[in-house]
PDB file of all heavy atoms in Angstrom:
ATOM      1  N   SER A   1       0.819  -1.209   0.000  1.00  0.00           N
ATOM      2  CA  SER A   1       0.000   0.000   0.000  1.00  0.00           C
ATOM      3  C   SER A   1       0.850   1.254   0.000  1.00  0.00           C
ATOM      4  O   SER A   1       1.922   1.313   0.609  1.00  0.00           O
ATOM      5  CB  SER A   1      -0.908   0.011   1.236  1.00  0.00           C
ATOM      6  OG  SER A   1      -1.617   1.239   1.329  1.00  0.00           O
ATOM      7  N   GLY A   2       0.351   2.283  -0.690  1.00  0.00           N
ATOM      8  CA  GLY A   2       0.869   3.617  -0.496  1.00  0.00           C
ATOM      9  C   GLY A   2       0.413   4.149   0.846  1.00  0.00           C
ATOM     10  O   GLY A   2      -0.362   3.512   1.566  1.00  0.00           O
ATOM     11  N   THR A   3       0.884   5.311   1.206  1.00  0.00           N
ATOM     12  CA  THR A   3       0.600   5.896   2.516  1.00  0.00           C
ATOM     13  C   THR A   3       0.055   7.313   2.337  1.00  0.00           C
ATOM     14  O   THR A   3       0.055   7.870   1.234  1.00  0.00           O
ATOM     15  CB  THR A   3       1.872   5.951   3.369  1.00  0.00           C
ATOM     16  OG1 THR A   3       2.808   6.838   2.728  1.00  0.00           O
ATOM     17  CG2 THR A   3       2.498   4.567   3.518  1.00  0.00           C
ATOM     18  N   PHE A   4      -0.385   7.895   3.452  1.00  0.00           N
ATOM     19  CA  PHE A   4      -0.781   9.295   3.403  1.00  0.00           C
ATOM     20  C   PHE A   4       0.387  10.164   2.946  1.00  0.00           C
ATOM     21  O   PHE A   4       0.206  11.136   2.209  1.00  0.00           O
ATOM     22  CB  PHE A   4      -1.276   9.764   4.773  1.00  0.00           C
ATOM     23  CG  PHE A   4      -2.602   9.205   5.175  1.00  0.00           C
ATOM     24  CD1 PHE A   4      -2.767   8.558   6.395  1.00  0.00           C
ATOM     25  CD2 PHE A   4      -3.703   9.324   4.343  1.00  0.00           C
ATOM     26  CE1 PHE A   4      -3.995   8.054   6.776  1.00  0.00           C
ATOM     27  CE2 PHE A   4      -4.940   8.810   4.706  1.00  0.00           C
ATOM     28  CZ  PHE A   4      -5.089   8.173   5.926  1.00  0.00           C
ATOM     29  N   GLU A   5       1.574   9.800   3.385  1.00  0.00           N
ATOM     30  CA  GLU A   5       2.747  10.588   3.020  1.00  0.00           C
ATOM     31  C   GLU A   5       3.007  10.519   1.524  1.00  0.00           C
ATOM     32  O   GLU A   5       3.266  11.540   0.869  1.00  0.00           O
ATOM     33  CB  GLU A   5       3.971  10.100   3.797  1.00  0.00           C
ATOM     34  CG  GLU A   5       5.226  10.912   3.521  1.00  0.00           C
ATOM     35  CD  GLU A   5       6.424  10.452   4.330  1.00  0.00           C
ATOM     36  OE1 GLU A   5       6.311   9.421   5.032  1.00  0.00           O
ATOM     37  OE2 GLU A   5       7.479  11.122   4.258  1.00  0.00           O
ATOM     38  N   SER A   6       2.929   9.315   0.941  1.00  0.00           N
ATOM     39  CA  SER A   6       3.160   9.208  -0.502  1.00  0.00           C
ATOM     40  C   SER A   6       2.001   9.831  -1.278  1.00  0.00           C
ATOM     41  O   SER A   6       2.209  10.453  -2.330  1.00  0.00           O
ATOM     42  CB  SER A   6       3.346   7.746  -0.904  1.00  0.00           C
ATOM     43  OG  SER A   6       2.192   6.963  -0.634  1.00  0.00           O
ATOM     44  N   ALA A   7       0.798   9.689  -0.764  1.00  0.00           N
ATOM     45  CA  ALA A   7      -0.360  10.286  -1.446  1.00  0.00           C
ATOM     46  C   ALA A   7      -0.260  11.802  -1.479  1.00  0.00           C
ATOM     47  O   ALA A   7      -0.714  12.448  -2.437  1.00  0.00           O
ATOM     48  CB  ALA A   7      -1.654   9.858  -0.759  1.00  0.00           C
ATOM     49  N   ALA A   8       0.353  12.382  -0.464  1.00  0.00           N
ATOM     50  CA  ALA A   8       0.483  13.839  -0.413  1.00  0.00           C
ATOM     51  C   ALA A   8       1.348  14.363  -1.546  1.00  0.00           C
ATOM     52  O   ALA A   8       1.199  15.531  -1.953  1.00  0.00           O
ATOM     53  CB  ALA A   8       1.049  14.268   0.934  1.00  0.00           C
ATOM     54  N   THR A   9       2.224  13.534  -2.075  1.00  0.00           N
ATOM     55  CA  THR A   9       3.071  13.993  -3.178  1.00  0.00           C
ATOM     56  C   THR A   9       2.257  14.246  -4.447  1.00  0.00           C
ATOM     57  O   THR A   9       2.723  14.941  -5.356  1.00  0.00           O
ATOM     58  CB  THR A   9       4.170  12.971  -3.489  1.00  0.00           C
ATOM     59  OG1 THR A   9       3.572  11.736  -3.951  1.00  0.00           O
ATOM     60  CG2 THR A   9       5.006  12.688  -2.250  1.00  0.00           C
ATOM     61  N   ARG A  10       1.068  13.703  -4.515  1.00  0.00           N
ATOM     62  CA  ARG A  10       0.197  13.867  -5.685  1.00  0.00           C
ATOM     63  C   ARG A  10      -0.614  15.170  -5.610  1.00  0.00           C
ATOM     64  O   ARG A  10      -1.119  15.652  -6.630  1.00  0.00           O
ATOM     65  CB  ARG A  10      -0.736  12.655  -5.761  1.00  0.00           C
ATOM     66  CG  ARG A  10      -1.726  12.665  -6.892  1.00  0.00           C
ATOM     67  CD  ARG A  10      -1.115  12.293  -8.214  1.00  0.00           C
ATOM     68  NE  ARG A  10      -2.109  12.378  -9.279  1.00  0.00           N
ATOM     69  CZ  ARG A  10      -1.927  12.998 -10.432  1.00  0.00           C
ATOM     70  NH1 ARG A  10      -0.778  13.570 -10.705  1.00  0.00           N
ATOM     71  NH2 ARG A  10      -2.875  13.025 -11.341  1.00  0.00           N
ATOM     72  N   LEU A  11      -0.715  15.757  -4.434  1.00  0.00           N
ATOM     73  CA  LEU A  11      -1.588  16.912  -4.237  1.00  0.00           C
ATOM     74  C   LEU A  11      -1.213  18.121  -5.094  1.00  0.00           C
ATOM     75  O   LEU A  11      -2.110  18.764  -5.674  1.00  0.00           O
ATOM     76  CB  LEU A  11      -1.623  17.287  -2.756  1.00  0.00           C
ATOM     77  CG  LEU A  11      -2.289  16.257  -1.837  1.00  0.00           C
ATOM     78  CD1 LEU A  11      -2.088  16.638  -0.372  1.00  0.00           C
ATOM     79  CD2 LEU A  11      -3.781  16.148  -2.158  1.00  0.00           C
ATOM     80  N   PRO A  12       0.056  18.498  -5.207  1.00  0.00           N
ATOM     81  CA  PRO A  12       0.372  19.664  -6.051  1.00  0.00           C
ATOM     82  C   PRO A  12      -0.065  19.488  -7.503  1.00  0.00           C
ATOM     83  O   PRO A  12      -0.527  20.449  -8.138  1.00  0.00           O
ATOM     84  CB  PRO A  12       1.892  19.787  -5.923  1.00  0.00           C
ATOM     85  CG  PRO A  12       2.215  19.170  -4.603  1.00  0.00           C
ATOM     86  CD  PRO A  12       1.257  18.023  -4.483  1.00  0.00           C
ATOM     87  N   ALA A  13       0.053  18.276  -8.043  1.00  0.00           N
ATOM     88  CA  ALA A  13      -0.360  18.043  -9.424  1.00  0.00           C
ATOM     89  C   ALA A  13      -1.874  18.146  -9.567  1.00  0.00           C
ATOM     90  O   ALA A  13      -2.388  18.660 -10.573  1.00  0.00           O
ATOM     91  CB  ALA A  13       0.128  16.672  -9.894  1.00  0.00           C
ATOM     92  N   ILE A  14      -2.592  17.651  -8.569  1.00  0.00           N
ATOM     93  CA  ILE A  14      -4.054  17.758  -8.591  1.00  0.00           C
ATOM     94  C   ILE A  14      -4.465  19.223  -8.555  1.00  0.00           C
ATOM     95  O   ILE A  14      -5.346  19.665  -9.305  1.00  0.00           O
ATOM     96  CB  ILE A  14      -4.655  16.980  -7.412  1.00  0.00           C
ATOM     97  CG1 ILE A  14      -4.404  15.474  -7.585  1.00  0.00           C
ATOM     98  CG2 ILE A  14      -6.141  17.260  -7.267  1.00  0.00           C
ATOM     99  CD1 ILE A  14      -4.753  14.642  -6.366  1.00  0.00           C
ATOM    100  N   ALA A  15      -3.823  20.001  -7.690  1.00  0.00           N
ATOM    101  CA  ALA A  15      -4.119  21.429  -7.617  1.00  0.00           C
ATOM    102  C   ALA A  15      -3.738  22.132  -8.912  1.00  0.00           C
ATOM    103  O   ALA A  15      -4.458  23.024  -9.387  1.00  0.00           O
ATOM    104  CB  ALA A  15      -3.393  22.055  -6.431  1.00  0.00           C
ATOM    105  N   ALA A  16      -2.612  21.733  -9.521  1.00  0.00           N
ATOM    106  CA  ALA A  16      -2.165  22.373 -10.760  1.00  0.00           C
ATOM    107  C   ALA A  16      -3.139  22.127 -11.900  1.00  0.00           C
ATOM    108  O   ALA A  16      -3.260  22.958 -12.815  1.00  0.00           O
ATOM    109  CB  ALA A  16      -0.770  21.867 -11.134  1.00  0.00           C
ATOM    110  N   MET A  17      -3.851  20.996 -11.873  1.00  0.00           N
ATOM    111  CA  MET A  17      -4.877  20.749 -12.888  1.00  0.00           C
ATOM    112  C   MET A  17      -6.111  21.614 -12.680  1.00  0.00           C
ATOM    113  O   MET A  17      -6.966  21.684 -13.555  1.00  0.00           O
ATOM    114  CB  MET A  17      -5.274  19.264 -12.890  1.00  0.00           C
ATOM    115  CG  MET A  17      -4.330  18.372 -13.662  1.00  0.00           C
ATOM    116  SD  MET A  17      -5.027  16.714 -13.951  1.00  0.00           S
ATOM    117  CE  MET A  17      -5.023  16.045 -12.291  1.00  0.00           C
ATOM    118  N   GLY A  18      -6.221  22.246 -11.512  1.00  0.00           N
ATOM    119  CA  GLY A  18      -7.341  23.140 -11.276  1.00  0.00           C
ATOM    120  C   GLY A  18      -8.403  22.600 -10.349  1.00  0.00           C
ATOM    121  O   GLY A  18      -9.479  23.202 -10.224  1.00  0.00           O
ATOM    122  N   PHE A  19      -8.129  21.499  -9.665  1.00  0.00           N
ATOM    123  CA  PHE A  19      -9.105  20.942  -8.732  1.00  0.00           C
ATOM    124  C   PHE A  19      -8.918  21.562  -7.354  1.00  0.00           C
ATOM    125  O   PHE A  19      -7.801  21.891  -6.944  1.00  0.00           O
ATOM    126  CB  PHE A  19      -8.976  19.421  -8.665  1.00  0.00           C
ATOM    127  CG  PHE A  19      -9.346  18.752  -9.956  1.00  0.00           C
ATOM    128  CD1 PHE A  19      -8.363  18.361 -10.860  1.00  0.00           C
ATOM    129  CD2 PHE A  19     -10.675  18.540 -10.289  1.00  0.00           C
ATOM    130  CE1 PHE A  19      -8.696  17.768 -12.067  1.00  0.00           C
ATOM    131  CE2 PHE A  19     -11.022  17.947 -11.495  1.00  0.00           C
ATOM    132  CZ  PHE A  19     -10.035  17.564 -12.384  1.00  0.00           C
ATOM    133  N   ASP A  20     -10.022  21.719  -6.640  1.00  0.00           N
ATOM    134  CA  ASP A  20      -9.955  22.334  -5.309  1.00  0.00           C
ATOM    135  C   ASP A  20     -10.492  21.439  -4.202  1.00  0.00           C
ATOM    136  O   ASP A  20     -10.473  21.813  -3.036  1.00  0.00           O
ATOM    137  CB  ASP A  20     -10.662  23.687  -5.280  1.00  0.00           C
ATOM    138  CG  ASP A  20     -12.040  23.666  -5.918  1.00  0.00           C
ATOM    139  OD1 ASP A  20     -12.769  22.675  -5.716  1.00  0.00           O
ATOM    140  OD2 ASP A  20     -12.383  24.634  -6.614  1.00  0.00           O
ATOM    141  N   VAL A  21     -10.992  20.252  -4.549  1.00  0.00           N
ATOM    142  CA  VAL A  21     -11.408  19.263  -3.557  1.00  0.00           C
ATOM    143  C   VAL A  21     -10.789  17.926  -3.944  1.00  0.00           C
ATOM    144  O   VAL A  21     -10.908  17.496  -5.094  1.00  0.00           O
ATOM    145  CB  VAL A  21     -12.939  19.111  -3.480  1.00  0.00           C
ATOM    146  CG1 VAL A  21     -13.322  18.007  -2.483  1.00  0.00           C
ATOM    147  CG2 VAL A  21     -13.608  20.423  -3.075  1.00  0.00           C
ATOM    148  N   VAL A  22     -10.107  17.272  -3.010  1.00  0.00           N
ATOM    149  CA  VAL A  22      -9.610  15.927  -3.237  1.00  0.00           C
ATOM    150  C   VAL A  22     -10.407  14.990  -2.335  1.00  0.00           C
ATOM    151  O   VAL A  22     -10.436  15.147  -1.119  1.00  0.00           O
ATOM    152  CB  VAL A  22      -8.094  15.805  -2.983  1.00  0.00           C
ATOM    153  CG1 VAL A  22      -7.716  16.225  -1.579  1.00  0.00           C
ATOM    154  CG2 VAL A  22      -7.606  14.396  -3.293  1.00  0.00           C
ATOM    155  N   TYR A  23     -11.115  14.068  -2.972  1.00  0.00           N
ATOM    156  CA  TYR A  23     -12.016  13.175  -2.245  1.00  0.00           C
ATOM    157  C   TYR A  23     -11.360  11.806  -2.067  1.00  0.00           C
ATOM    158  O   TYR A  23     -10.898  11.197  -3.033  1.00  0.00           O
ATOM    159  CB  TYR A  23     -13.348  13.066  -2.993  1.00  0.00           C
ATOM    160  CG  TYR A  23     -14.104  11.779  -2.763  1.00  0.00           C
ATOM    161  CD1 TYR A  23     -14.368  11.314  -1.466  1.00  0.00           C
ATOM    162  CD2 TYR A  23     -14.561  11.013  -3.833  1.00  0.00           C
ATOM    163  CE1 TYR A  23     -15.039  10.124  -1.255  1.00  0.00           C
ATOM    164  CE2 TYR A  23     -15.234   9.830  -3.641  1.00  0.00           C
ATOM    165  CZ  TYR A  23     -15.461   9.383  -2.356  1.00  0.00           C
ATOM    166  OH  TYR A  23     -16.123   8.201  -2.153  1.00  0.00           O
ATOM    167  N   LEU A  24     -11.347  11.329  -0.825  1.00  0.00           N
ATOM    168  CA  LEU A  24     -10.772  10.030  -0.492  1.00  0.00           C
ATOM    169  C   LEU A  24     -11.877   9.029  -0.180  1.00  0.00           C
ATOM    170  O   LEU A  24     -12.729   9.286   0.679  1.00  0.00           O
ATOM    171  CB  LEU A  24      -9.860  10.150   0.733  1.00  0.00           C
ATOM    172  CG  LEU A  24      -8.768  11.220   0.719  1.00  0.00           C
ATOM    173  CD1 LEU A  24      -7.940  11.118   1.996  1.00  0.00           C
ATOM    174  CD2 LEU A  24      -7.888  11.098  -0.514  1.00  0.00           C
ATOM    175  N   PRO A  25     -11.908   7.874  -0.829  1.00  0.00           N
ATOM    176  CA  PRO A  25     -12.771   6.781  -0.375  1.00  0.00           C
ATOM    177  C   PRO A  25     -12.402   6.415   1.063  1.00  0.00           C
ATOM    178  O   PRO A  25     -11.410   6.919   1.610  1.00  0.00           O
ATOM    179  CB  PRO A  25     -12.452   5.655  -1.356  1.00  0.00           C
ATOM    180  CG  PRO A  25     -11.913   6.344  -2.566  1.00  0.00           C
ATOM    181  CD  PRO A  25     -11.160   7.535  -2.036  1.00  0.00           C
ATOM    182  N   PRO A  26     -13.164   5.544   1.708  1.00  0.00           N
ATOM    183  CA  PRO A  26     -12.901   5.257   3.122  1.00  0.00           C
ATOM    184  C   PRO A  26     -11.434   4.922   3.384  1.00  0.00           C
ATOM    185  O   PRO A  26     -10.809   4.153   2.647  1.00  0.00           O
ATOM    186  CB  PRO A  26     -13.813   4.064   3.410  1.00  0.00           C
ATOM    187  CG  PRO A  26     -14.966   4.258   2.473  1.00  0.00           C
ATOM    188  CD  PRO A  26     -14.354   4.819   1.223  1.00  0.00           C
ATOM    189  N   ILE A  27     -10.907   5.509   4.440  1.00  0.00           N
ATOM    190  CA  ILE A  27      -9.494   5.327   4.795  1.00  0.00           C
ATOM    191  C   ILE A  27      -9.358   4.469   6.046  1.00  0.00           C
ATOM    192  O   ILE A  27      -8.299   4.423   6.663  1.00  0.00           O
ATOM    193  CB  ILE A  27      -8.826   6.698   5.026  1.00  0.00           C
ATOM    194  CG1 ILE A  27      -9.567   7.470   6.129  1.00  0.00           C
ATOM    195  CG2 ILE A  27      -8.786   7.498   3.733  1.00  0.00           C
ATOM    196  CD1 ILE A  27      -8.881   8.759   6.554  1.00  0.00           C
ATOM    197  N   HIS A  28     -10.415   3.764   6.424  1.00  0.00           N
ATOM    198  CA  HIS A  28     -10.454   3.018   7.678  1.00  0.00           C
ATOM    199  C   HIS A  28      -9.878   1.602   7.505  1.00  0.00           C
ATOM    200  O   HIS A  28      -9.665   1.140   6.376  1.00  0.00           O
ATOM    201  CB  HIS A  28     -11.906   2.930   8.170  1.00  0.00           C
ATOM    202  CG  HIS A  28     -12.654   4.225   8.046  1.00  0.00           C
ATOM    203  ND1 HIS A  28     -12.261   5.352   8.708  1.00  0.00           N
ATOM    204  CD2 HIS A  28     -13.760   4.558   7.322  1.00  0.00           C
ATOM    205  CE1 HIS A  28     -13.103   6.344   8.408  1.00  0.00           C
ATOM    206  NE2 HIS A  28     -14.012   5.880   7.568  1.00  0.00           N
ATOM    207  N   PRO A  29      -9.654   0.902   8.601  1.00  0.00           N
ATOM    208  CA  PRO A  29      -9.259  -0.510   8.505  1.00  0.00           C
ATOM    209  C   PRO A  29     -10.278  -1.306   7.699  1.00  0.00           C
ATOM    210  O   PRO A  29     -11.491  -1.025   7.747  1.00  0.00           O
ATOM    211  CB  PRO A  29      -9.219  -0.965   9.971  1.00  0.00           C
ATOM    212  CG  PRO A  29      -8.958   0.286  10.752  1.00  0.00           C
ATOM    213  CD  PRO A  29      -9.684   1.369  10.017  1.00  0.00           C
ATOM    214  N   ILE A  30      -9.801  -2.290   6.943  1.00  0.00           N
ATOM    215  CA  ILE A  30     -10.649  -3.108   6.075  1.00  0.00           C
ATOM    216  C   ILE A  30     -10.737  -4.515   6.654  1.00  0.00           C
ATOM    217  O   ILE A  30      -9.734  -5.101   7.088  1.00  0.00           O
ATOM    218  CB  ILE A  30     -10.070  -3.151   4.647  1.00  0.00           C
ATOM    219  CG1 ILE A  30     -10.056  -1.731   4.055  1.00  0.00           C
ATOM    220  CG2 ILE A  30     -10.870  -4.096   3.750  1.00  0.00           C
ATOM    221  CD1 ILE A  30      -9.324  -1.634   2.730  1.00  0.00           C
ATOM    222  N   GLY A  31     -11.938  -5.059   6.644  1.00  0.00           N
ATOM    223  CA  GLY A  31     -12.153  -6.382   7.220  1.00  0.00           C
ATOM    224  C   GLY A  31     -11.491  -7.496   6.427  1.00  0.00           C
ATOM    225  O   GLY A  31     -11.159  -7.350   5.244  1.00  0.00           O
TER     226      GLY A  31
END
């Protein structure tokens, strides 16, 4: 799995495309 830390590296590119909300599916433990 990737992590919150690695996922954060994607945020500048998302913002550069012009998006202002990043939506995450559930981030909880999975059964």
